[in-house]
N, C-alpha and C. Protein backbone atom coordinates (compact mmCIF):
# COMPACT_ATOMS: atom_id res chain seq x y z
N UNK A 1 95.42 32.08 141.69
CA UNK A 1 96.48 32.05 140.68
C UNK A 1 96.46 33.37 139.94
N UNK A 2 97.64 33.93 139.69
CA UNK A 2 97.76 35.20 138.99
C UNK A 2 98.32 34.96 137.62
N UNK A 3 97.62 35.38 136.59
CA UNK A 3 98.07 35.19 135.22
C UNK A 3 99.12 36.24 134.87
N UNK A 4 100.11 35.88 134.10
CA UNK A 4 101.14 36.82 133.67
C UNK A 4 101.29 36.73 132.17
N UNK A 5 101.95 37.78 131.61
CA UNK A 5 102.20 37.75 130.18
C UNK A 5 100.94 38.11 129.40
N UNK A 6 100.94 37.85 128.10
CA UNK A 6 99.80 38.14 127.26
C UNK A 6 99.77 39.60 126.85
N UNK A 7 98.72 39.98 126.16
CA UNK A 7 98.57 41.35 125.67
C UNK A 7 97.84 42.20 126.70
N UNK A 8 98.04 43.50 126.58
CA UNK A 8 97.38 44.42 127.50
C UNK A 8 95.88 44.41 127.28
N UNK A 9 95.13 44.50 128.37
CA UNK A 9 93.68 44.54 128.26
C UNK A 9 93.20 45.92 127.90
N UNK A 10 91.86 46.10 127.81
CA UNK A 10 91.30 47.40 127.44
C UNK A 10 91.76 48.53 128.35
N UNK A 11 91.84 48.25 129.66
CA UNK A 11 92.26 49.31 130.58
C UNK A 11 93.69 49.75 130.29
N UNK A 12 94.57 48.76 130.01
CA UNK A 12 95.96 49.09 129.70
C UNK A 12 96.08 49.89 128.43
N UNK A 13 95.32 49.48 127.39
CA UNK A 13 95.38 50.21 126.12
C UNK A 13 94.84 51.62 126.28
N UNK A 14 93.80 51.77 127.09
CA UNK A 14 93.26 53.11 127.33
C UNK A 14 94.27 54.00 128.03
N UNK A 15 95.01 53.41 128.99
CA UNK A 15 96.03 54.19 129.68
C UNK A 15 97.14 54.62 128.74
N UNK A 16 97.55 53.71 127.83
CA UNK A 16 98.59 54.06 126.87
C UNK A 16 98.12 55.15 125.93
N UNK A 17 96.87 55.08 125.50
CA UNK A 17 96.32 56.10 124.61
C UNK A 17 96.28 57.46 125.29
N UNK A 18 95.86 57.47 126.56
CA UNK A 18 95.81 58.72 127.31
C UNK A 18 97.21 59.31 127.47
N UNK A 19 98.19 58.46 127.73
CA UNK A 19 99.56 58.93 127.89
C UNK A 19 100.09 59.52 126.58
N UNK A 20 99.79 58.85 125.47
CA UNK A 20 100.23 59.35 124.17
C UNK A 20 99.58 60.69 123.86
N UNK A 21 98.29 60.83 124.15
CA UNK A 21 97.59 62.08 123.92
C UNK A 21 98.19 63.20 124.77
N UNK A 22 98.46 62.87 126.04
CA UNK A 22 99.05 63.86 126.93
C UNK A 22 100.42 64.31 126.42
N UNK A 23 101.23 63.37 125.99
CA UNK A 23 102.55 63.73 125.48
C UNK A 23 102.44 64.56 124.20
N UNK A 24 101.50 64.20 123.34
CA UNK A 24 101.32 64.96 122.11
C UNK A 24 100.91 66.40 122.38
N UNK A 25 100.01 66.59 123.32
CA UNK A 25 99.58 67.94 123.68
C UNK A 25 100.70 68.72 124.34
N UNK A 26 101.47 68.04 125.19
CA UNK A 26 102.61 68.71 125.83
C UNK A 26 103.64 69.12 124.79
N UNK A 27 103.87 68.28 123.80
CA UNK A 27 104.81 68.61 122.73
C UNK A 27 104.31 69.83 121.95
N UNK A 28 103.02 69.86 121.68
CA UNK A 28 102.44 71.00 120.97
C UNK A 28 102.64 72.30 121.74
N UNK A 29 102.45 72.25 123.06
CA UNK A 29 102.65 73.44 123.89
C UNK A 29 104.13 73.84 123.92
N UNK A 30 105.02 72.87 123.96
CA UNK A 30 106.44 73.18 123.96
C UNK A 30 106.84 73.90 122.68
N UNK A 31 106.34 73.43 121.55
CA UNK A 31 106.66 74.08 120.27
C UNK A 31 106.06 75.48 120.23
N UNK A 32 104.85 75.62 120.74
CA UNK A 32 104.20 76.93 120.76
C UNK A 32 104.97 77.93 121.60
N UNK A 33 105.61 77.45 122.66
CA UNK A 33 106.33 78.34 123.58
C UNK A 33 107.78 78.57 123.15
N UNK A 34 108.16 78.06 121.99
CA UNK A 34 109.54 78.22 121.50
C UNK A 34 109.53 79.01 120.20
N UNK A 35 109.65 80.34 120.26
CA UNK A 35 109.60 81.16 119.05
C UNK A 35 110.62 80.76 117.99
N UNK A 36 111.78 80.28 118.44
CA UNK A 36 112.81 79.87 117.49
C UNK A 36 112.73 78.43 117.07
N UNK A 37 111.69 77.73 117.50
CA UNK A 37 111.54 76.33 117.17
C UNK A 37 112.33 75.43 118.12
N UNK A 38 112.10 74.13 118.00
CA UNK A 38 112.77 73.13 118.84
C UNK A 38 113.37 72.04 117.97
N UNK A 39 114.50 71.50 118.40
CA UNK A 39 115.01 70.29 117.75
C UNK A 39 114.33 69.08 118.39
N UNK A 40 114.41 67.96 117.72
CA UNK A 40 113.83 66.74 118.28
C UNK A 40 114.51 66.39 119.60
N UNK A 41 115.81 66.59 119.65
CA UNK A 41 116.56 66.29 120.88
C UNK A 41 116.09 67.17 122.03
N UNK A 42 115.90 68.46 121.76
CA UNK A 42 115.41 69.38 122.80
C UNK A 42 114.02 68.98 123.26
N UNK A 43 113.16 68.63 122.31
CA UNK A 43 111.79 68.24 122.66
C UNK A 43 111.80 66.97 123.53
N UNK A 44 112.64 66.02 123.17
CA UNK A 44 112.71 64.77 123.93
C UNK A 44 113.18 65.04 125.36
N UNK A 45 114.18 65.93 125.49
CA UNK A 45 114.70 66.23 126.83
C UNK A 45 113.64 66.91 127.69
N UNK A 46 112.89 67.82 127.12
CA UNK A 46 111.89 68.55 127.89
C UNK A 46 110.69 67.68 128.24
N UNK A 47 110.39 66.72 127.38
CA UNK A 47 109.29 65.79 127.68
C UNK A 47 109.74 64.66 128.59
N UNK A 48 111.05 64.45 128.68
CA UNK A 48 111.56 63.34 129.49
C UNK A 48 111.36 61.99 128.82
N UNK A 49 111.43 61.96 127.49
CA UNK A 49 111.25 60.71 126.75
C UNK A 49 112.38 60.58 125.74
N UNK A 50 112.44 59.44 125.07
CA UNK A 50 113.44 59.22 124.04
C UNK A 50 113.06 59.88 122.73
N UNK A 51 114.06 60.04 121.85
CA UNK A 51 113.80 60.65 120.54
C UNK A 51 112.79 59.84 119.73
N UNK A 52 112.82 58.51 119.89
CA UNK A 52 111.90 57.66 119.13
C UNK A 52 110.45 57.99 119.48
N UNK A 53 110.20 58.30 120.75
CA UNK A 53 108.84 58.66 121.17
C UNK A 53 108.42 59.97 120.50
N UNK A 54 109.33 60.93 120.46
CA UNK A 54 109.03 62.22 119.83
C UNK A 54 108.71 62.02 118.35
N UNK A 55 109.50 61.18 117.67
CA UNK A 55 109.24 60.92 116.26
C UNK A 55 107.86 60.31 116.04
N UNK A 56 107.45 59.41 116.93
CA UNK A 56 106.11 58.82 116.81
C UNK A 56 105.03 59.89 117.00
N UNK A 57 105.22 60.76 117.99
CA UNK A 57 104.24 61.83 118.21
C UNK A 57 104.18 62.76 117.01
N UNK A 58 105.34 63.06 116.43
CA UNK A 58 105.38 63.98 115.29
C UNK A 58 104.65 63.41 114.09
N UNK A 59 104.63 62.08 113.97
CA UNK A 59 103.93 61.48 112.84
C UNK A 59 102.49 61.94 112.77
N UNK A 60 101.79 61.87 113.90
CA UNK A 60 100.38 62.26 113.92
C UNK A 60 100.23 63.78 113.84
N UNK A 61 101.07 64.52 114.56
CA UNK A 61 100.94 65.97 114.60
C UNK A 61 101.22 66.59 113.24
N UNK A 62 102.22 66.10 112.53
CA UNK A 62 102.52 66.64 111.21
C UNK A 62 101.45 66.23 110.18
N UNK A 63 100.93 65.03 110.34
CA UNK A 63 99.88 64.57 109.42
C UNK A 63 98.66 65.48 109.47
N UNK A 64 98.36 65.99 110.67
CA UNK A 64 97.21 66.88 110.83
C UNK A 64 97.59 68.35 110.72
N UNK A 65 98.83 68.63 110.36
CA UNK A 65 99.24 70.00 110.13
C UNK A 65 99.45 70.83 111.38
N UNK A 66 99.55 70.18 112.54
CA UNK A 66 99.71 70.92 113.79
C UNK A 66 101.16 71.35 114.03
N UNK A 67 102.08 70.55 113.54
CA UNK A 67 103.51 70.84 113.70
C UNK A 67 104.17 70.61 112.35
N UNK A 68 105.19 71.40 112.05
CA UNK A 68 105.98 71.21 110.83
C UNK A 68 107.46 71.31 111.17
N UNK A 69 108.31 70.86 110.28
CA UNK A 69 109.76 70.98 110.43
C UNK A 69 110.27 71.96 109.39
N UNK A 70 111.02 72.97 109.85
CA UNK A 70 111.51 73.97 108.91
C UNK A 70 112.75 73.45 108.17
N UNK A 71 113.39 74.31 107.39
CA UNK A 71 114.52 73.89 106.58
C UNK A 71 115.70 73.38 107.37
N UNK A 72 115.79 73.76 108.63
CA UNK A 72 116.88 73.29 109.49
C UNK A 72 116.48 72.08 110.33
N UNK A 73 115.24 71.63 110.17
CA UNK A 73 114.77 70.48 110.92
C UNK A 73 114.15 70.81 112.26
N UNK A 74 114.06 72.11 112.58
CA UNK A 74 113.48 72.50 113.87
C UNK A 74 111.96 72.41 113.80
N UNK A 75 111.35 72.08 114.93
CA UNK A 75 109.91 71.91 115.00
C UNK A 75 109.24 73.27 115.21
N UNK A 76 108.23 73.54 114.40
CA UNK A 76 107.47 74.78 114.52
C UNK A 76 105.98 74.47 114.37
N UNK A 77 105.14 75.42 114.80
CA UNK A 77 103.70 75.23 114.66
C UNK A 77 103.31 75.17 113.19
N UNK A 78 102.31 74.34 112.90
CA UNK A 78 101.86 74.18 111.52
C UNK A 78 100.60 74.98 111.23
N UNK A 79 100.30 75.09 109.94
CA UNK A 79 99.15 75.87 109.50
C UNK A 79 97.83 75.27 109.93
N UNK A 80 97.83 73.98 110.29
CA UNK A 80 96.59 73.36 110.74
C UNK A 80 96.01 74.02 111.97
N UNK A 81 96.85 74.62 112.78
CA UNK A 81 96.36 75.31 113.97
C UNK A 81 95.55 76.54 113.61
N UNK A 82 95.86 77.17 112.46
CA UNK A 82 95.09 78.35 112.05
C UNK A 82 93.64 77.97 111.79
N UNK A 83 93.43 76.79 111.23
CA UNK A 83 92.06 76.34 110.98
C UNK A 83 91.31 76.17 112.29
N UNK A 84 91.96 75.56 113.27
CA UNK A 84 91.31 75.39 114.57
C UNK A 84 91.05 76.74 115.22
N UNK A 85 92.02 77.64 115.10
CA UNK A 85 91.86 78.96 115.71
C UNK A 85 90.68 79.71 115.11
N UNK A 86 90.54 79.63 113.79
CA UNK A 86 89.41 80.32 113.14
C UNK A 86 88.08 79.72 113.57
N UNK A 87 88.04 78.41 113.76
CA UNK A 87 86.81 77.77 114.20
C UNK A 87 86.48 78.15 115.64
N UNK A 88 87.52 78.41 116.44
CA UNK A 88 87.31 78.75 117.85
C UNK A 88 86.95 80.21 118.06
N UNK A 89 87.34 81.08 117.12
CA UNK A 89 87.13 82.51 117.32
C UNK A 89 85.66 82.89 117.53
N UNK A 90 84.70 82.35 116.75
CA UNK A 90 83.30 82.70 117.02
C UNK A 90 82.85 82.31 118.43
N UNK A 91 83.32 81.18 118.93
CA UNK A 91 82.97 80.76 120.29
C UNK A 91 83.59 81.70 121.31
N UNK A 92 84.82 82.13 121.04
CA UNK A 92 85.50 83.07 121.93
C UNK A 92 84.76 84.39 121.97
N UNK A 93 84.37 84.89 120.80
CA UNK A 93 83.64 86.15 120.73
C UNK A 93 82.30 86.06 121.45
N UNK A 94 81.61 84.94 121.25
CA UNK A 94 80.31 84.75 121.90
C UNK A 94 80.45 84.74 123.42
N UNK A 95 81.50 84.10 123.92
CA UNK A 95 81.72 84.05 125.36
C UNK A 95 82.05 85.40 125.95
N UNK A 96 82.64 86.29 125.13
CA UNK A 96 83.05 87.60 125.63
C UNK A 96 81.94 88.64 125.59
N UNK A 97 80.90 88.42 124.80
CA UNK A 97 79.88 89.45 124.58
C UNK A 97 79.19 89.95 125.86
N UNK A 98 78.79 89.10 126.80
CA UNK A 98 78.15 89.63 128.02
C UNK A 98 79.04 90.60 128.78
N UNK A 99 80.31 90.27 128.90
CA UNK A 99 81.24 91.16 129.61
C UNK A 99 81.42 92.46 128.84
N UNK A 100 81.56 92.37 127.53
CA UNK A 100 81.71 93.59 126.72
C UNK A 100 80.46 94.46 126.78
N UNK A 101 79.29 93.85 126.81
CA UNK A 101 78.04 94.62 126.90
C UNK A 101 78.00 95.39 128.21
N UNK A 102 78.34 94.74 129.31
CA UNK A 102 78.34 95.44 130.60
C UNK A 102 79.36 96.58 130.60
N UNK A 103 80.52 96.33 130.03
CA UNK A 103 81.56 97.36 130.01
C UNK A 103 81.14 98.55 129.17
N UNK A 104 80.53 98.31 128.02
CA UNK A 104 80.09 99.40 127.15
C UNK A 104 79.00 100.24 127.82
N UNK A 105 78.06 99.59 128.48
CA UNK A 105 76.97 100.32 129.10
C UNK A 105 77.46 101.12 130.31
N UNK A 106 78.39 100.57 131.07
CA UNK A 106 78.88 101.27 132.27
C UNK A 106 79.75 102.48 131.91
N UNK A 107 80.55 102.35 130.86
CA UNK A 107 81.49 103.42 130.52
C UNK A 107 80.94 104.38 129.47
N UNK A 108 79.90 103.98 128.75
CA UNK A 108 79.39 104.81 127.66
C UNK A 108 80.37 104.88 126.50
N UNK A 109 81.20 103.87 126.36
CA UNK A 109 82.20 103.82 125.30
C UNK A 109 82.12 102.48 124.58
N UNK A 110 82.63 102.43 123.37
CA UNK A 110 82.61 101.20 122.59
C UNK A 110 83.61 100.21 123.17
N UNK A 111 83.14 99.02 123.53
CA UNK A 111 83.99 98.00 124.15
C UNK A 111 84.42 96.97 123.10
N UNK A 112 85.60 96.42 123.29
CA UNK A 112 86.11 95.48 122.29
C UNK A 112 87.03 94.44 122.93
N UNK A 113 87.06 93.28 122.30
CA UNK A 113 88.02 92.23 122.63
C UNK A 113 88.97 92.12 121.45
N UNK A 114 90.25 92.30 121.70
CA UNK A 114 91.26 92.25 120.64
C UNK A 114 92.17 91.05 120.88
N UNK A 115 92.45 90.29 119.81
CA UNK A 115 93.32 89.12 119.91
C UNK A 115 94.48 89.28 118.93
N UNK A 116 95.50 88.46 119.12
CA UNK A 116 96.65 88.47 118.22
C UNK A 116 96.43 87.47 117.09
N UNK A 117 96.65 87.93 115.88
CA UNK A 117 96.57 87.06 114.72
C UNK A 117 97.63 87.51 113.72
N UNK A 118 98.52 86.59 113.38
CA UNK A 118 99.60 86.88 112.44
C UNK A 118 100.41 88.11 112.86
N UNK A 119 100.63 88.24 114.15
CA UNK A 119 101.47 89.32 114.66
C UNK A 119 100.80 90.67 114.75
N UNK A 120 99.50 90.74 114.48
CA UNK A 120 98.77 91.99 114.58
C UNK A 120 97.62 91.86 115.57
N UNK A 121 97.09 93.01 116.01
CA UNK A 121 95.90 93.01 116.83
C UNK A 121 94.66 93.01 115.95
N UNK A 122 93.72 92.15 116.26
CA UNK A 122 92.47 92.05 115.49
C UNK A 122 91.29 92.18 116.44
N UNK A 123 90.39 93.10 116.14
CA UNK A 123 89.18 93.27 116.96
C UNK A 123 88.26 92.09 116.70
N UNK A 124 88.17 91.18 117.66
CA UNK A 124 87.39 89.96 117.48
C UNK A 124 85.91 90.20 117.77
N UNK A 125 85.62 91.00 118.79
CA UNK A 125 84.23 91.29 119.17
C UNK A 125 84.13 92.75 119.59
N UNK A 126 83.05 93.41 119.18
CA UNK A 126 82.84 94.83 119.48
C UNK A 126 81.41 95.04 119.93
N UNK A 127 81.22 95.82 120.99
CA UNK A 127 79.88 96.16 121.48
C UNK A 127 79.81 97.67 121.69
N UNK A 128 78.82 98.32 121.09
CA UNK A 128 78.64 99.76 121.25
C UNK A 128 77.62 100.04 122.34
N UNK A 129 77.77 101.13 123.08
CA UNK A 129 76.80 101.45 124.13
C UNK A 129 75.46 101.83 123.53
N UNK A 130 74.38 101.53 124.24
CA UNK A 130 73.04 101.75 123.69
C UNK A 130 72.46 103.12 124.03
N UNK A 131 73.05 103.85 124.99
CA UNK A 131 72.39 105.05 125.50
C UNK A 131 73.10 106.35 125.14
N UNK A 132 74.21 106.29 124.41
CA UNK A 132 74.94 107.50 124.09
C UNK A 132 74.47 108.09 122.76
N UNK A 133 74.56 109.43 122.64
CA UNK A 133 74.18 110.09 121.39
C UNK A 133 75.24 109.86 120.32
N UNK A 134 76.51 109.84 120.74
CA UNK A 134 77.61 109.61 119.82
C UNK A 134 78.60 108.63 120.45
N UNK A 135 79.14 107.77 119.62
CA UNK A 135 80.18 106.87 120.09
C UNK A 135 81.03 106.43 118.90
N UNK A 136 82.16 105.84 119.19
CA UNK A 136 83.06 105.39 118.14
C UNK A 136 82.51 104.16 117.45
N UNK A 137 82.50 104.18 116.12
CA UNK A 137 82.12 103.00 115.34
C UNK A 137 83.40 102.21 115.07
N UNK A 138 83.51 101.06 115.68
CA UNK A 138 84.72 100.25 115.60
C UNK A 138 84.31 98.90 115.02
N UNK A 139 84.82 98.57 113.85
CA UNK A 139 84.38 97.38 113.13
C UNK A 139 85.13 96.14 113.60
N UNK A 140 84.37 95.09 113.90
CA UNK A 140 85.00 93.80 114.20
C UNK A 140 85.79 93.35 112.99
N UNK A 141 86.98 92.86 113.20
CA UNK A 141 87.86 92.47 112.11
C UNK A 141 88.92 93.51 111.79
N UNK A 142 88.81 94.69 112.40
CA UNK A 142 89.81 95.73 112.18
C UNK A 142 91.18 95.25 112.69
N UNK A 143 92.22 95.55 111.94
CA UNK A 143 93.57 95.11 112.28
C UNK A 143 94.47 96.32 112.53
N UNK A 144 95.45 96.16 113.37
CA UNK A 144 96.39 97.24 113.63
C UNK A 144 97.67 96.65 114.25
N UNK A 145 98.80 97.35 114.12
CA UNK A 145 100.03 96.87 114.75
C UNK A 145 99.88 96.84 116.27
N UNK A 146 100.54 95.91 116.90
CA UNK A 146 100.44 95.81 118.36
C UNK A 146 101.08 97.02 119.03
N UNK A 147 102.00 97.69 118.35
CA UNK A 147 102.69 98.83 118.96
C UNK A 147 101.85 100.10 118.96
N UNK A 148 100.71 100.09 118.28
CA UNK A 148 99.88 101.29 118.20
C UNK A 148 98.52 101.03 118.82
N UNK A 149 98.05 101.96 119.65
CA UNK A 149 96.74 101.84 120.27
C UNK A 149 96.81 101.11 121.59
N UNK A 150 95.83 101.41 122.45
CA UNK A 150 95.82 100.82 123.79
C UNK A 150 95.65 99.31 123.74
N UNK A 151 94.82 98.82 122.82
CA UNK A 151 94.55 97.38 122.78
C UNK A 151 95.81 96.58 122.50
N UNK A 152 96.57 96.99 121.49
CA UNK A 152 97.78 96.27 121.15
C UNK A 152 98.85 96.39 122.20
N UNK A 153 99.02 97.60 122.73
CA UNK A 153 100.06 97.79 123.74
C UNK A 153 99.71 97.09 125.05
N UNK A 154 98.42 96.91 125.32
CA UNK A 154 98.03 96.12 126.50
C UNK A 154 98.43 94.67 126.32
N UNK A 155 98.31 94.15 125.10
CA UNK A 155 98.73 92.78 124.84
C UNK A 155 100.24 92.64 125.05
N UNK A 156 101.00 93.62 124.57
CA UNK A 156 102.45 93.60 124.76
C UNK A 156 102.79 93.68 126.25
N UNK A 157 102.03 94.48 127.00
CA UNK A 157 102.25 94.56 128.45
C UNK A 157 101.96 93.21 129.09
N UNK A 158 100.91 92.53 128.61
CA UNK A 158 100.59 91.21 129.15
C UNK A 158 101.70 90.21 128.91
N UNK A 159 102.39 90.31 127.77
CA UNK A 159 103.51 89.42 127.50
C UNK A 159 104.61 89.60 128.54
N UNK A 160 104.72 90.83 129.05
CA UNK A 160 105.73 91.12 130.06
C UNK A 160 105.22 90.88 131.48
N UNK A 161 103.97 90.35 131.59
CA UNK A 161 103.41 90.04 132.90
C UNK A 161 102.79 91.22 133.61
N UNK A 162 102.56 92.33 132.88
CA UNK A 162 101.96 93.51 133.50
C UNK A 162 100.46 93.52 133.20
N UNK A 163 99.65 93.71 134.25
CA UNK A 163 98.19 93.64 134.11
C UNK A 163 97.52 95.01 134.15
N UNK A 164 98.29 96.06 134.44
CA UNK A 164 97.66 97.38 134.60
C UNK A 164 97.16 97.91 133.25
N UNK A 165 96.07 98.71 133.27
CA UNK A 165 95.51 99.26 132.04
C UNK A 165 96.48 100.17 131.30
N UNK A 166 96.32 100.23 129.99
CA UNK A 166 97.13 101.07 129.10
C UNK A 166 96.19 102.06 128.43
N UNK A 167 96.65 103.29 128.21
CA UNK A 167 95.83 104.32 127.58
C UNK A 167 96.44 104.75 126.26
N UNK A 168 95.61 105.34 125.41
CA UNK A 168 96.09 105.89 124.14
C UNK A 168 95.24 107.08 123.75
N UNK A 169 95.79 107.91 122.88
CA UNK A 169 95.07 109.09 122.40
C UNK A 169 95.41 109.34 120.94
N UNK A 170 94.43 109.14 120.07
CA UNK A 170 94.59 109.43 118.66
C UNK A 170 95.59 108.57 117.92
N UNK A 171 95.95 107.42 118.43
CA UNK A 171 96.96 106.58 117.78
C UNK A 171 96.42 105.80 116.59
N UNK A 172 95.18 105.37 116.66
CA UNK A 172 94.58 104.62 115.56
C UNK A 172 93.55 105.43 114.80
N UNK A 173 92.95 106.38 115.47
CA UNK A 173 91.92 107.23 114.85
C UNK A 173 91.99 108.61 115.49
N UNK A 174 92.14 109.67 114.70
CA UNK A 174 92.23 111.02 115.27
C UNK A 174 91.03 111.33 116.16
N UNK A 175 91.30 111.85 117.35
CA UNK A 175 90.24 112.23 118.26
C UNK A 175 89.65 111.10 119.07
N UNK A 176 90.23 109.90 118.96
CA UNK A 176 89.71 108.75 119.71
C UNK A 176 90.64 108.47 120.89
N UNK A 177 90.02 108.11 122.03
CA UNK A 177 90.75 107.84 123.25
C UNK A 177 90.47 106.39 123.68
N UNK A 178 91.51 105.68 124.07
CA UNK A 178 91.34 104.28 124.42
C UNK A 178 91.94 103.91 125.75
N UNK A 179 91.35 102.90 126.39
CA UNK A 179 91.88 102.28 127.60
C UNK A 179 91.72 100.78 127.42
N UNK A 180 92.76 100.02 127.69
CA UNK A 180 92.69 98.56 127.52
C UNK A 180 93.55 97.88 128.57
N UNK A 181 93.23 96.62 128.86
CA UNK A 181 93.98 95.80 129.80
C UNK A 181 94.14 94.41 129.22
N UNK A 182 95.25 93.75 129.49
CA UNK A 182 95.46 92.40 128.95
C UNK A 182 94.57 91.36 129.62
N UNK A 183 94.18 90.36 128.85
CA UNK A 183 93.47 89.20 129.39
C UNK A 183 94.52 88.15 129.66
N UNK A 184 94.80 87.89 130.92
CA UNK A 184 95.87 86.99 131.31
C UNK A 184 95.32 85.68 131.87
N UNK A 185 96.13 84.64 131.79
CA UNK A 185 95.77 83.38 132.43
C UNK A 185 94.92 82.44 131.61
N UNK A 186 94.73 82.74 130.31
CA UNK A 186 93.98 81.83 129.44
C UNK A 186 94.99 81.17 128.50
N UNK A 187 95.20 79.88 128.67
CA UNK A 187 96.22 79.18 127.91
C UNK A 187 96.00 79.33 126.41
N UNK A 188 97.07 79.70 125.70
CA UNK A 188 97.00 79.80 124.25
C UNK A 188 96.36 81.06 123.72
N UNK A 189 95.97 81.98 124.59
CA UNK A 189 95.29 83.19 124.14
C UNK A 189 96.08 84.43 124.51
N UNK A 190 96.36 85.27 123.52
CA UNK A 190 96.91 86.60 123.75
C UNK A 190 95.82 87.59 123.37
N UNK A 191 95.33 88.35 124.33
CA UNK A 191 94.19 89.23 124.05
C UNK A 191 94.17 90.38 125.04
N UNK A 192 93.35 91.37 124.69
CA UNK A 192 93.10 92.49 125.61
C UNK A 192 91.64 92.88 125.48
N UNK A 193 91.13 93.50 126.51
CA UNK A 193 89.78 94.04 126.49
C UNK A 193 89.90 95.53 126.77
N UNK A 194 89.09 96.31 126.08
CA UNK A 194 89.22 97.75 126.27
C UNK A 194 88.02 98.52 125.76
N UNK A 195 88.11 99.83 125.86
CA UNK A 195 87.06 100.72 125.37
C UNK A 195 87.71 101.84 124.57
N UNK A 196 86.95 102.42 123.66
CA UNK A 196 87.41 103.56 122.88
C UNK A 196 86.27 104.58 122.82
N UNK A 197 86.61 105.86 122.99
CA UNK A 197 85.60 106.90 123.06
C UNK A 197 86.04 108.13 122.28
N UNK A 198 85.09 109.07 122.07
CA UNK A 198 85.37 110.29 121.32
C UNK A 198 85.83 111.43 122.22
N UNK A 199 85.86 111.21 123.51
CA UNK A 199 86.29 112.23 124.46
C UNK A 199 87.24 111.59 125.45
N UNK A 200 88.09 112.39 126.09
CA UNK A 200 89.01 111.83 127.10
C UNK A 200 88.26 111.06 128.17
N UNK A 201 88.85 109.97 128.60
CA UNK A 201 88.24 109.10 129.59
C UNK A 201 88.89 109.30 130.96
N UNK A 202 88.11 109.09 132.00
CA UNK A 202 88.64 109.11 133.35
C UNK A 202 89.52 107.87 133.51
N UNK A 203 90.83 108.05 133.44
CA UNK A 203 91.74 106.90 133.40
C UNK A 203 91.60 106.01 134.63
N UNK A 204 91.42 106.62 135.80
CA UNK A 204 91.33 105.82 137.03
C UNK A 204 90.05 104.99 137.06
N UNK A 205 88.91 105.66 136.83
CA UNK A 205 87.61 104.96 136.91
C UNK A 205 87.44 103.96 135.78
N UNK A 206 87.69 104.42 134.55
CA UNK A 206 87.50 103.53 133.40
C UNK A 206 88.56 102.43 133.41
N UNK A 207 89.78 102.76 133.83
CA UNK A 207 90.83 101.76 133.92
C UNK A 207 90.45 100.63 134.86
N UNK A 208 89.83 100.98 135.99
CA UNK A 208 89.41 99.96 136.94
C UNK A 208 88.32 99.08 136.35
N UNK A 209 87.40 99.67 135.57
CA UNK A 209 86.32 98.89 134.97
C UNK A 209 86.86 97.98 133.88
N UNK A 210 87.82 98.48 133.11
CA UNK A 210 88.42 97.65 132.06
C UNK A 210 89.20 96.50 132.68
N UNK A 211 89.93 96.78 133.74
CA UNK A 211 90.68 95.72 134.42
C UNK A 211 89.74 94.66 134.99
N UNK A 212 88.61 95.09 135.55
CA UNK A 212 87.62 94.15 136.06
C UNK A 212 87.07 93.29 134.92
N UNK A 213 86.81 93.91 133.77
CA UNK A 213 86.30 93.15 132.62
C UNK A 213 87.32 92.13 132.15
N UNK A 214 88.59 92.49 132.15
CA UNK A 214 89.64 91.55 131.76
C UNK A 214 89.68 90.36 132.72
N UNK A 215 89.51 90.64 134.01
CA UNK A 215 89.49 89.56 135.01
C UNK A 215 88.29 88.65 134.79
N UNK A 216 87.12 89.25 134.51
CA UNK A 216 85.92 88.45 134.22
C UNK A 216 86.13 87.55 133.02
N UNK A 217 86.76 88.09 131.97
CA UNK A 217 86.98 87.28 130.76
C UNK A 217 87.94 86.13 131.04
N UNK A 218 88.94 86.38 131.87
CA UNK A 218 89.82 85.29 132.25
C UNK A 218 89.06 84.16 132.93
N UNK A 219 88.16 84.52 133.84
CA UNK A 219 87.36 83.53 134.55
C UNK A 219 86.40 82.82 133.60
N UNK A 220 85.88 83.54 132.62
CA UNK A 220 84.94 82.96 131.67
C UNK A 220 85.61 82.01 130.68
N UNK A 221 86.80 82.40 130.22
CA UNK A 221 87.44 81.68 129.12
C UNK A 221 88.46 80.65 129.58
N UNK A 222 88.96 80.78 130.79
CA UNK A 222 90.02 79.86 131.24
C UNK A 222 89.48 78.45 131.46
């Protein structure tokens, strides 16, 4: 005899919870990928669900500050994500340090991981070479426009899908030379890895090493 009706068992409730979590995360990614924001109708269409489902998802997301509605009612990322991002940054920096150490020692230049924060490039992790008499002192936490310097312009190149290294000369600091490449393929992360030195760098050789480091970081962080 097969029983019918009644309430869903533990397995059914677990499946519903997993589906709700999946939809909530997908909604969060949709909002993140929409610079101009999304309407509830647009979000429902892209998720393939009804507007009522989107409203239920928004209840939890807005309560935790992950999503907000602007003055026109469009969905945008909330400030709660900044808290999570700040908590994740030390883990991100720690994961990048081995690759940055190898890059600094091989090139004899100061290696750095730069990420996007509030529309600017921020040096999240910096490693100086141990064997050089002189090298650039680059402070973690330093900020600069994305349009200036190899690190920022590499991030902009990554937005356009270009992975090749970018070079700079004296753009952020007089007499400093930089090479950087975007870190691609890590969901939710806009970043570049690069080196900066007090003398001109061999663009071909150092560019290849920086590109390899960016690939390593993708494999480490993805």
